[in-house]
Structure formats: structure tokens, C-alpha cells
C-alpha atoms as a PDB file:
ATOM      1  CA  MET A   1     287.658  48.740 155.743  1.00  0.00           C
ATOM      2  CA  LEU A   2     290.404  48.935 153.140  1.00  0.00           C
ATOM      3  CA  PHE A   3     291.537  45.440 154.128  1.00  0.00           C
ATOM      4  CA  GLN A   4     287.978  44.081 153.707  1.00  0.00           C
ATOM      5  CA  ARG A   5     287.685  45.576 150.186  1.00  0.00           C
ATOM      6  CA  ALA A   6     291.006  44.097 149.095  1.00  0.00           C
ATOM      7  CA  SER A   7     290.039  40.730 150.539  1.00  0.00           C
ATOM      8  CA  PHE A   8     286.635  40.881 148.807  1.00  0.00           C
ATOM      9  CA  LYS A   9     288.300  41.904 145.546  1.00  0.00           C
ATOM     10  CA  ASN A  10     290.807  39.027 145.809  1.00  0.00           C
ATOM     11  CA  SER A  11     287.981  36.578 146.578  1.00  0.00           C
ATOM     12  CA  CYS A  12     286.018  37.744 143.535  1.00  0.00           C
ATOM     13  CA  SER A  13     289.104  37.411 141.360  1.00  0.00           C
ATOM     14  CA  ALA A  14     289.739  33.896 142.678  1.00  0.00           C
ATOM     15  CA  ILE A  15     286.134  32.861 142.070  1.00  0.00           C
ATOM     16  CA  LEU A  16     286.215  34.324 138.556  1.00  0.00           C
ATOM     17  CA  ALA A  17     289.507  32.530 137.792  1.00  0.00           C
ATOM     18  CA  PHE A  18     288.075  29.252 139.132  1.00  0.00           C
ATOM     19  CA  PHE A  19     284.947  29.656 137.022  1.00  0.00           C
ATOM     20  CA  MET A  20     286.954  30.390 133.863  1.00  0.00           C
ATOM     21  CA  LEU A  21     289.237  27.406 134.482  1.00  0.00           C
ATOM     22  CA  THR A  22     286.222  25.134 135.069  1.00  0.00           C
ATOM     23  CA  GLN A  23     284.602  26.299 131.832  1.00  0.00           C
ATOM     24  CA  ALA A  24     287.830  25.710 129.912  1.00  0.00           C
ATOM     25  CA  ASN A  25     288.028  22.154 131.307  1.00  0.00           C
ATOM     26  CA  ILE A  26     284.395  21.474 130.362  1.00  0.00           C
ATOM     27  CA  LEU A  27     284.995  22.692 126.807  1.00  0.00           C
ATOM     28  CA  ALA A  28     288.189  20.648 126.512  1.00  0.00           C
ATOM     29  CA  SER A  29     286.480  17.466 127.717  1.00  0.00           C
ATOM     30  CA  ALA A  30     283.543  18.032 125.344  1.00  0.00           C
ATOM     31  CA  GLN A  31     285.963  18.189 122.434  1.00  0.00           C
ATOM     32  CA  THR A  32     287.562  14.859 123.399  1.00  0.00           C
ATOM     33  CA  THR A  33     284.308  12.895 123.844  1.00  0.00           C
ATOM     34  CA  PRO A  34     284.624   9.691 121.820  1.00  0.00           C
ATOM     35  CA  ALA A  35     282.497   9.565 118.681  1.00  0.00           C
ATOM     36  CA  SER A  36     280.782   6.393 119.888  1.00  0.00           C
ATOM     37  CA  ALA A  37     279.568   8.147 123.039  1.00  0.00           C
ATOM     38  CA  GLU A  38     278.187  10.992 120.945  1.00  0.00           C
ATOM     39  CA  ARG A  39     276.411   8.508 118.685  1.00  0.00           C
ATOM     40  CA  VAL A  40     274.776   6.823 121.666  1.00  0.00           C
ATOM     41  CA  ARG A  41     273.733  10.155 123.145  1.00  0.00           C
ATOM     42  CA  GLY A  42     272.677  11.321 119.703  1.00  0.00           C
ATOM     43  CA  GLY A  43     269.135  10.164 120.115  1.00  0.00           C
ATOM     44  CA  ILE A  44     266.603   7.819 121.515  1.00  0.00           C
ATOM     45  CA  LEU A  45     264.748   5.629 119.047  1.00  0.00           C
ATOM     46  CA  ASP A  46     261.430   3.919 119.550  1.00  0.00           C
ATOM     47  CA  ALA A  47     258.699   2.360 117.421  1.00  0.00           C
ATOM     48  CA  SER A  48     256.615   5.529 117.203  1.00  0.00           C
ATOM     49  CA  ASP A  49     258.289   6.741 114.001  1.00  0.00           C
ATOM     50  CA  ALA A  50     258.839   3.941 111.458  1.00  0.00           C
ATOM     51  CA  ASN A  51     260.323   6.383 108.943  1.00  0.00           C
ATOM     52  CA  ARG A  52     262.996   7.481 111.410  1.00  0.00           C
ATOM     53  CA  LEU A  53     263.862   3.880 112.262  1.00  0.00           C
ATOM     54  CA  SER A  54     264.034   3.030 108.548  1.00  0.00           C
ATOM     55  CA  ARG A  55     266.344   6.019 107.879  1.00  0.00           C
ATOM     56  CA  PHE A  56     268.557   5.016 110.807  1.00  0.00           C
ATOM     57  CA  MET A  57     268.822   1.453 109.487  1.00  0.00           C
ATOM     58  CA  THR A  58     269.697   2.759 106.011  1.00  0.00           C
ATOM     59  CA  SER A  59     272.405   4.982 107.519  1.00  0.00           C
ATOM     60  CA  LEU A  60     273.962   1.816 108.988  1.00  0.00           C
ATOM     61  CA  GLY A  61     273.945   0.110 105.586  1.00  0.00           C
ATOM     62  CA  TYR A  62     270.847  -2.060 105.989  1.00  0.00           C
ATOM     63  CA  GLN A  63     268.210  -2.309 103.301  1.00  0.00           C
ATOM     64  CA  ALA A  64     265.079  -0.893 104.945  1.00  0.00           C
ATOM     65  CA  ASP A  65     262.094  -0.106 102.722  1.00  0.00           C
ATOM     66  CA  ARG A  66     259.112   1.443 104.493  1.00  0.00           C
ATOM     67  CA  ALA A  67     255.636   0.094 103.747  1.00  0.00           C
ATOM     68  CA  THR A  68     252.227  -0.195 105.390  1.00  0.00           C
ATOM     69  CA  GLY A  69     250.610  -3.472 106.402  1.00  0.00           C
ATOM     70  CA  PRO A  70     247.004  -4.536 105.730  1.00  0.00           C
ATOM     71  CA  ALA A  71     245.840  -3.212 109.114  1.00  0.00           C
ATOM     72  CA  GLY A  72     247.515   0.157 108.471  1.00  0.00           C
ATOM     73  CA  ASP A  73     250.483  -0.467 110.770  1.00  0.00           C
ATOM     74  CA  PRO A  74     254.018   0.262 109.535  1.00  0.00           C
ATOM     75  CA  ILE A  75     256.290  -2.399 108.084  1.00  0.00           C
ATOM     76  CA  ILE A  76     259.956  -2.239 107.153  1.00  0.00           C
ATOM     77  CA  ALA A  77     261.099  -4.739 104.516  1.00  0.00           C
ATOM     78  CA  GLY A  78     264.699  -5.583 103.819  1.00  0.00           C
ATOM     79  CA  ARG A  79     267.208  -8.181 102.812  1.00  0.00           C
ATOM     80  CA  ILE A  80     270.282  -9.445 104.619  1.00  0.00           C
ATOM     81  CA  SER A  81     272.539 -11.837 102.740  1.00  0.00           C
ATOM     82  CA  ALA A  82     270.148 -14.094 100.803  1.00  0.00           C
ATOM     83  CA  THR A  83     267.129 -13.701 103.068  1.00  0.00           C
ATOM     84  CA  ASP A  84     264.238 -11.257 102.853  1.00  0.00           C
ATOM     85  CA  TYR A  85     262.885 -10.084 106.199  1.00  0.00           C
ATOM     86  CA  THR A  86     260.218  -7.769 107.542  1.00  0.00           C
ATOM     87  CA  ILE A  87     259.917  -5.710 110.674  1.00  0.00           C
ATOM     88  CA  GLN A  88     256.316  -5.421 111.800  1.00  0.00           C
ATOM     89  CA  PHE A  89     255.171  -2.738 114.235  1.00  0.00           C
ATOM     90  CA  TYR A  90     252.798  -3.611 117.081  1.00  0.00           C
ATOM     91  CA  GLU A  91     250.681  -1.897 119.737  1.00  0.00           C
ATOM     92  CA  CYS A  92     250.045   1.035 117.397  1.00  0.00           C
ATOM     93  CA  GLU A  93     247.431   3.772 117.597  1.00  0.00           C
ATOM     94  CA  ASN A  94     245.973   4.298 114.114  1.00  0.00           C
ATOM     95  CA  GLY A  95     249.201   3.169 112.459  1.00  0.00           C
ATOM     96  CA  GLU A  96     251.399   5.433 114.606  1.00  0.00           C
ATOM     97  CA  PHE A  97     252.898   5.611 118.097  1.00  0.00           C
ATOM     98  CA  CYS A  98     253.765   1.903 118.160  1.00  0.00           C
ATOM     99  CA  ASN A  99     255.463   0.321 121.182  1.00  0.00           C
ATOM    100  CA  SER A 100     257.187  -2.769 119.837  1.00  0.00           C
ATOM    101  CA  ILE A 101     258.514  -4.390 116.705  1.00  0.00           C
ATOM    102  CA  GLN A 102     258.933  -7.935 115.478  1.00  0.00           C
ATOM    103  CA  PHE A 103     261.594  -9.132 113.046  1.00  0.00           C
ATOM    104  CA  LEU A 104     260.401 -11.971 110.774  1.00  0.00           C
ATOM    105  CA  ALA A 105     261.999 -14.148 108.105  1.00  0.00           C
ATOM    106  CA  ASP A 106     260.571 -17.203 106.355  1.00  0.00           C
ATOM    107  CA  ALA A 107     262.167 -20.017 104.374  1.00  0.00           C
ATOM    108  CA  PRO A 108     260.739 -23.159 102.799  1.00  0.00           C
ATOM    109  CA  ILE A 109     260.962 -26.161 105.095  1.00  0.00           C
ATOM    110  CA  PRO A 110     264.061 -28.150 104.139  1.00  0.00           C
ATOM    111  CA  PRO A 111     263.336 -31.750 103.189  1.00  0.00           C
ATOM    112  CA  GLY A 112     263.989 -34.013 106.131  1.00  0.00           C
ATOM    113  CA  MET A 113     264.006 -31.209 108.695  1.00  0.00           C
ATOM    114  CA  THR A 114     262.911 -32.461 112.091  1.00  0.00           C
ATOM    115  CA  MET A 115     261.301 -30.719 115.032  1.00  0.00           C
ATOM    116  CA  GLU A 116     264.369 -31.761 117.038  1.00  0.00           C
ATOM    117  CA  GLN A 117     266.460 -29.513 114.761  1.00  0.00           C
ATOM    118  CA  VAL A 118     264.058 -26.607 115.301  1.00  0.00           C
ATOM    119  CA  ASN A 119     264.051 -27.206 119.068  1.00  0.00           C
ATOM    120  CA  ALA A 120     267.865 -27.405 119.113  1.00  0.00           C
ATOM    121  CA  PHE A 121     268.052 -24.085 117.249  1.00  0.00           C
ATOM    122  CA  ASN A 122     265.674 -22.496 119.767  1.00  0.00           C
ATOM    123  CA  ALA A 123     267.650 -23.888 122.702  1.00  0.00           C
ATOM    124  CA  ARG A 124     270.898 -22.369 121.391  1.00  0.00           C
ATOM    125  CA  TRP A 125     269.696 -18.830 120.646  1.00  0.00           C
ATOM    126  CA  ARG A 126     268.399 -16.499 123.304  1.00  0.00           C
ATOM    127  CA  TYR A 127     266.764 -13.632 121.407  1.00  0.00           C
ATOM    128  CA  VAL A 128     265.052 -15.477 118.583  1.00  0.00           C
ATOM    129  CA  ARG A 129     262.831 -18.453 117.988  1.00  0.00           C
ATOM    130  CA  ALA A 130     262.142 -20.645 115.013  1.00  0.00           C
ATOM    131  CA  SER A 131     258.732 -22.150 114.321  1.00  0.00           C
ATOM    132  CA  VAL A 132     257.150 -24.261 111.609  1.00  0.00           C
ATOM    133  CA  ASN A 133     253.895 -23.189 109.944  1.00  0.00           C
ATOM    134  CA  SER A 134     252.398 -24.689 106.780  1.00  0.00           C
ATOM    135  CA  ASN A 135     255.294 -24.990 104.355  1.00  0.00           C
ATOM    136  CA  VAL A 136     257.719 -22.547 105.987  1.00  0.00           C
ATOM    137  CA  VAL A 137     260.115 -22.338 108.851  1.00  0.00           C
ATOM    138  CA  ARG A 138     259.923 -18.881 110.419  1.00  0.00           C
ATOM    139  CA  LEU A 139     262.522 -16.925 112.363  1.00  0.00           C
ATOM    140  CA  GLN A 140     261.009 -14.391 114.781  1.00  0.00           C
ATOM    141  CA  MET A 141     262.549 -11.853 117.173  1.00  0.00           C
ATOM    142  CA  ASP A 142     260.426  -9.534 119.338  1.00  0.00           C
ATOM    143  CA  VAL A 143     261.812  -6.189 120.514  1.00  0.00           C
ATOM    144  CA  ASN A 144     260.154  -3.917 123.078  1.00  0.00           C
ATOM    145  CA  LEU A 145     260.852  -0.254 122.248  1.00  0.00           C
ATOM    146  CA  ASP A 146     258.289   1.318 124.578  1.00  0.00           C
ATOM    147  CA  GLY A 147     259.923   4.350 126.182  1.00  0.00           C
ATOM    148  CA  GLY A 148     262.760   4.332 123.665  1.00  0.00           C
ATOM    149  CA  VAL A 149     266.280   2.939 123.514  1.00  0.00           C
ATOM    150  CA  THR A 150     269.584   4.438 122.449  1.00  0.00           C
ATOM    151  CA  ALA A 151     270.752   4.380 118.872  1.00  0.00           C
ATOM    152  CA  GLY A 152     273.554   2.096 120.059  1.00  0.00           C
ATOM    153  CA  ASN A 153     271.004  -0.385 121.399  1.00  0.00           C
ATOM    154  CA  ILE A 154     269.156  -0.459 118.060  1.00  0.00           C
ATOM    155  CA  GLU A 155     272.455  -0.889 116.227  1.00  0.00           C
ATOM    156  CA  ASP A 156     273.313  -3.847 118.485  1.00  0.00           C
ATOM    157  CA  THR A 157     269.823  -5.340 118.017  1.00  0.00           C
ATOM    158  CA  LEU A 158     270.231  -5.113 114.226  1.00  0.00           C
ATOM    159  CA  ASP A 159     273.619  -6.802 114.462  1.00  0.00           C
ATOM    160  CA  ILE A 160     272.110  -9.616 116.558  1.00  0.00           C
ATOM    161  CA  TRP A 161     269.347 -10.020 113.951  1.00  0.00           C
ATOM    162  CA  ARG A 162     271.905 -10.099 111.119  1.00  0.00           C
ATOM    163  CA  ARG A 163     273.996 -12.779 112.826  1.00  0.00           C
ATOM    164  CA  LEU A 164     270.944 -14.875 113.693  1.00  0.00           C
ATOM    165  CA  LEU A 165     269.612 -14.523 110.150  1.00  0.00           C
ATOM    166  CA  GLU A 166     272.922 -15.748 108.742  1.00  0.00           C
ATOM    167  CA  THR A 167     272.772 -18.757 111.087  1.00  0.00           C
ATOM    168  CA  PHE A 168     269.154 -19.341 110.048  1.00  0.00           C
ATOM    169  CA  GLU A 169     270.280 -19.357 106.414  1.00  0.00           C
ATOM    170  CA  THR A 170     272.962 -21.972 106.972  1.00  0.00           C
ATOM    171  CA  GLU A 171     270.801 -24.201 109.147  1.00  0.00           C
ATOM    172  CA  PHE A 172     267.425 -23.928 107.385  1.00  0.00           C
ATOM    173  CA  ALA A 173     267.130 -21.704 104.325  1.00  0.00           C
ATOM    174  CA  ALA A 174     270.251 -22.968 102.491  1.00  0.00           C
ATOM    175  CA  GLN A 175     269.248 -26.576 103.156  1.00  0.00           C
ATOM    176  CA  ALA A 176     265.862 -25.996 101.533  1.00  0.00           C
ATOM    177  CA  THR A 177     267.429 -24.792  98.278  1.00  0.00           C
ATOM    178  CA  THR A 178     270.202 -27.405  98.073  1.00  0.00           C
ATOM    179  CA  GLN A 179     268.095 -30.508  98.711  1.00  0.00           C
END
């Protein structure tokens, strides 16, 4: 009986030591988690809260002014480089709980622009499309946010939009003002 108590006591001590060591390792690994991983885990963003998305964009350095469209749905307006853009919210319930967004930018049609140029632009870029309506050439990018995406995904989407907008400026918008 004495042997069984000593064995039980040693087993309990070993289990306790293992548990304490495991906890120490968990705490140590939590302290060394890269900042980028924390940022990604820091939250899921969707189109249900336009104010939160606008604040997030502002925290990344983007101009993002919150407004409301004629139908009562949210809009975010901003400017990247020399181009004004809007983000419209879609599939909303009474101006809230939206599921998707659409980035839009317009520029006057450059003199001499051809549909072949617009088609070539569309063939080169995967996420965005250019179209011609009335007197403007429009850049449009649709983003499904139903169910939410990580903050890192939104940051990447904004970077894609920025790069495409800069290309749009050099290929369409800048031509309209220089000719």
C-alpha cells in the first residue's frame, strides 16, 4: 500500500510538472507570434458595418469618407493618387447588413480611345473591368464579403484596387486630361 501511494504521488507530480511545462510553452509561443499573424486573426470584416470598414481603411492610410446613397445604402468615398473612387454596398437590408461591395472610379473618355484598348485592359486584369458609358470610362471591381474575410484579405483587396486604379490613371484618366 505504501508503494502504491508513492507511485500515485510520483505520477501526480509528473502530471503536474508536464502541465506546467506545457503552459509555459504555450505562453512563450503566444509571445513570439508574428505581428502579421495577430493582425490577420484580429478580426473578420464584412459589408455589414460600413463604418467599421471605413475606419479600417483609414487606419491603413486610405481616404475613406462614409456617406449614404440615394437608396439609403452605405457608400465610402475616397481618393487614391489623382482619382476619386466610391465603394458602394449591395444586398443590404434597410441600409445595413450588406453582403458585397463594389469599387468604382470614372474618368472622361480620352480622345481617340478605342474599344480595343478597353478590351485589352480587361483581358490583362483579372479582378477589375473597364466599361464605357456616356462620356466616361468606368473602372469597376466587385467584392463578395458575405460571411466575412480577414483583415489581411481586405488589406490585400485594397492594395489590388490601388494598383489597378494607378494603371487606370495611366492608361485612361491621364490620357483624357493631356489630350
